[in-house]
Amino acid sequence: MFEIYQHYCNGPNAVAKLLTIYIEEAHAVDEWHLPDAPDVKKGIAIIKAHQNVNDRLIAAKTFISCKKFICETVVDSWSSHIVDRYEAWPERLYIIVDGVVVYKGGEGPFDYRLDEVQDWLAERYGMRGQSLNKDKINK
C-alpha cells in the first residue's frame, strides 16, 4: 500500500488520494483473537472489542502509531455507515472518481488485491516514471 501511496498519492504532483477508514477491530482480544498473529506475539496492538466510538478512535490511533501508518485515516461512525453502505467488513478496497465507484475490490483479507488498484492507477495515470514492485504492493 505504501508503494502505491508514495507513487500516486504523495507530494505536489499527486494524482490520487488514499483514504483509510478504520471500521472495527477484526481480531479483538475478547472476540475473534488470533494469539499467533505477529503483532500479538510482539505485545503490540492488542485491542478489545469497541464499546463506543471513543474506543474505536483510540484503536485507530493505536493502529496508526504501532504501524507508523502515514496515509490519511478516518473512523467509521458508531452506526457503521461505511460497513453497511460499502460492504466493508472486514476490509475492502474501492476506487471512487467524482463520487462514482469505479472499482470495488473483493472481500479482504483473502481477496484484497492492491495490484488491481495499482493497475487501475497505472492505466489511468501512467507509471509516472518508474516501475512499482508488485511483491511489495500486495503485502
Protein backbone atom coordinates (compact mmCIF):
# COMPACT_ATOMS: atom_id res chain seq x y z
CA MET A 1 0.00 0.00 0.00
CA PHE A 2 2.84 2.38 0.83
CA GLU A 3 4.33 1.85 -2.64
CA ILE A 4 1.05 2.99 -4.20
CA TYR A 5 0.79 5.89 -1.76
CA GLN A 6 4.33 7.11 -2.47
CA HIS A 7 3.91 6.70 -6.22
CA TYR A 8 0.45 8.20 -6.81
CA CYS A 9 -0.73 9.99 -3.68
CA ASN A 10 2.24 11.79 -2.18
CA GLY A 11 3.71 15.19 -2.94
CA PRO A 12 2.71 18.19 -5.02
CA ASN A 13 2.14 16.13 -8.19
CA ALA A 14 -0.15 13.56 -6.57
CA VAL A 15 -2.89 12.28 -8.87
CA ALA A 16 -4.92 10.34 -6.31
CA LYS A 17 -5.87 10.37 -2.65
CA LEU A 18 -5.61 7.32 -0.44
CA LEU A 19 -8.05 7.27 2.46
CA THR A 20 -8.19 4.52 5.05
CA ILE A 21 -11.40 4.16 7.02
CA TYR A 22 -10.99 2.31 10.30
CA ILE A 23 -14.26 0.44 10.71
CA GLU A 24 -13.93 -2.07 13.51
CA GLU A 25 -11.31 -4.28 15.15
CA ALA A 26 -11.25 -7.55 13.21
CA HIS A 27 -9.35 -9.57 15.81
CA ALA A 28 -10.29 -8.11 19.16
CA VAL A 29 -8.65 -9.91 22.07
CA ASP A 30 -12.09 -10.54 23.63
CA GLU A 31 -13.74 -11.78 20.41
CA TRP A 32 -12.01 -13.39 17.41
CA HIS A 33 -8.50 -13.24 18.83
CA LEU A 34 -5.51 -14.56 16.85
CA PRO A 35 -2.90 -15.37 19.50
CA ASP A 36 -0.26 -16.27 16.90
CA ALA A 37 -0.55 -13.01 14.94
CA PRO A 38 2.82 -11.21 14.68
CA ASP A 39 1.62 -8.07 16.49
CA VAL A 40 0.18 -10.13 19.34
CA LYS A 41 3.44 -12.05 19.74
CA LYS A 42 5.28 -8.71 19.92
CA GLY A 43 2.81 -7.48 22.55
CA ILE A 44 1.54 -4.56 20.48
CA ALA A 45 -1.88 -3.61 19.16
CA ILE A 46 -3.84 -5.93 21.43
CA ILE A 47 -7.26 -4.30 21.23
CA LYS A 48 -10.58 -5.17 22.87
CA ALA A 49 -13.89 -5.02 21.03
CA HIS A 50 -15.09 -1.44 20.85
CA GLN A 51 -17.90 -0.49 23.20
CA ASN A 52 -18.34 3.02 21.79
CA VAL A 53 -16.97 5.39 19.18
CA ASN A 54 -14.27 6.63 21.57
CA ASP A 55 -12.89 3.06 21.80
CA ARG A 56 -12.87 2.96 18.01
CA LEU A 57 -10.96 6.25 17.86
CA ILE A 58 -8.39 5.01 20.37
CA ALA A 59 -7.97 1.76 18.42
CA ALA A 60 -7.44 3.68 15.17
CA LYS A 61 -4.83 5.90 16.84
CA THR A 62 -3.11 2.78 18.21
CA PHE A 63 -3.05 1.25 14.72
CA ILE A 64 -1.59 4.43 13.21
CA SER A 65 1.06 4.66 15.92
CA CYS A 66 2.07 0.98 16.00
CA LYS A 67 2.21 0.63 12.22
CA LYS A 68 3.67 4.11 11.66
CA PHE A 69 0.83 4.47 9.16
CA ILE A 70 1.26 7.63 7.06
CA CYS A 71 -1.93 7.54 4.98
CA GLU A 72 -4.90 9.69 5.93
CA THR A 73 -7.18 7.72 8.24
CA VAL A 74 -10.71 8.41 9.42
CA VAL A 75 -13.04 6.37 11.64
CA ASP A 76 -16.44 4.97 10.71
CA SER A 77 -19.42 6.20 12.72
CA TRP A 78 -20.65 4.13 15.65
CA SER A 79 -23.63 3.23 13.43
CA SER A 80 -21.14 1.68 10.97
CA HIS A 81 -22.38 3.60 7.93
CA ILE A 82 -19.32 2.68 5.85
CA VAL A 83 -19.55 -1.02 6.68
CA ASP A 84 -23.22 -1.06 5.70
CA ARG A 85 -23.04 1.07 2.55
CA TYR A 86 -19.81 -0.35 1.15
CA GLU A 87 -19.86 -3.94 2.44
CA ALA A 88 -16.52 -3.11 4.02
CA TRP A 89 -16.24 -5.86 6.65
CA PRO A 90 -13.57 -7.00 7.28
CA GLU A 91 -11.78 -4.92 4.65
CA ARG A 92 -12.30 -3.84 1.06
CA LEU A 93 -10.64 -1.59 -1.50
CA TYR A 94 -12.55 0.96 -3.55
CA ILE A 95 -11.65 3.49 -6.19
CA ILE A 96 -14.07 6.40 -6.31
CA VAL A 97 -13.85 9.05 -9.02
CA ASP A 98 -16.05 12.15 -8.80
CA GLY A 99 -18.35 10.37 -6.35
CA VAL A 100 -18.78 7.27 -8.53
CA VAL A 101 -17.42 3.83 -7.57
CA VAL A 102 -15.25 2.70 -10.49
CA TYR A 103 -13.58 -0.21 -8.72
CA LYS A 104 -14.88 -2.45 -5.93
CA GLY A 105 -12.34 -4.93 -4.69
CA GLY A 106 -13.04 -8.33 -3.27
CA GLU A 107 -13.64 -9.03 0.39
CA GLY A 108 -10.42 -8.94 2.35
CA PRO A 109 -8.17 -10.25 3.52
CA PHE A 110 -8.18 -13.16 1.07
CA ASP A 111 -9.49 -11.26 -1.95
CA TYR A 112 -7.70 -7.97 -1.17
CA ARG A 113 -5.86 -7.05 -4.39
CA LEU A 114 -3.67 -3.98 -4.16
CA ASP A 115 -2.18 -4.96 -7.51
CA GLU A 116 -5.57 -4.35 -9.16
CA VAL A 117 -5.66 -0.85 -7.64
CA GLN A 118 -2.12 -0.20 -8.86
CA ASP A 119 -3.02 -1.50 -12.35
CA TRP A 120 -6.06 0.81 -12.48
CA LEU A 121 -3.98 3.82 -11.41
CA ALA A 122 -1.22 2.94 -13.89
CA GLU A 123 -3.74 2.62 -16.73
CA ARG A 124 -5.38 5.94 -15.87
CA TYR A 125 -2.31 7.97 -14.88
CA GLY A 126 0.64 6.04 -16.24
CA MET A 127 3.55 4.65 -14.33
CA ARG A 128 4.82 8.16 -13.57
CA GLY A 129 8.43 7.40 -14.42
CA GLN A 130 9.15 4.12 -12.68
CA SER A 131 8.01 0.59 -12.16
CA LEU A 132 6.45 -0.43 -8.85
CA ASN A 133 7.48 -3.60 -7.05
CA LYS A 134 4.29 -5.72 -7.11
CA ASP A 135 5.67 -8.02 -4.41
CA LYS A 136 5.71 -5.07 -2.01
CA ILE A 137 2.30 -3.80 -3.13
CA ASN A 138 0.41 -6.94 -2.12
CA LYS A 139 1.87 -7.05 1.40
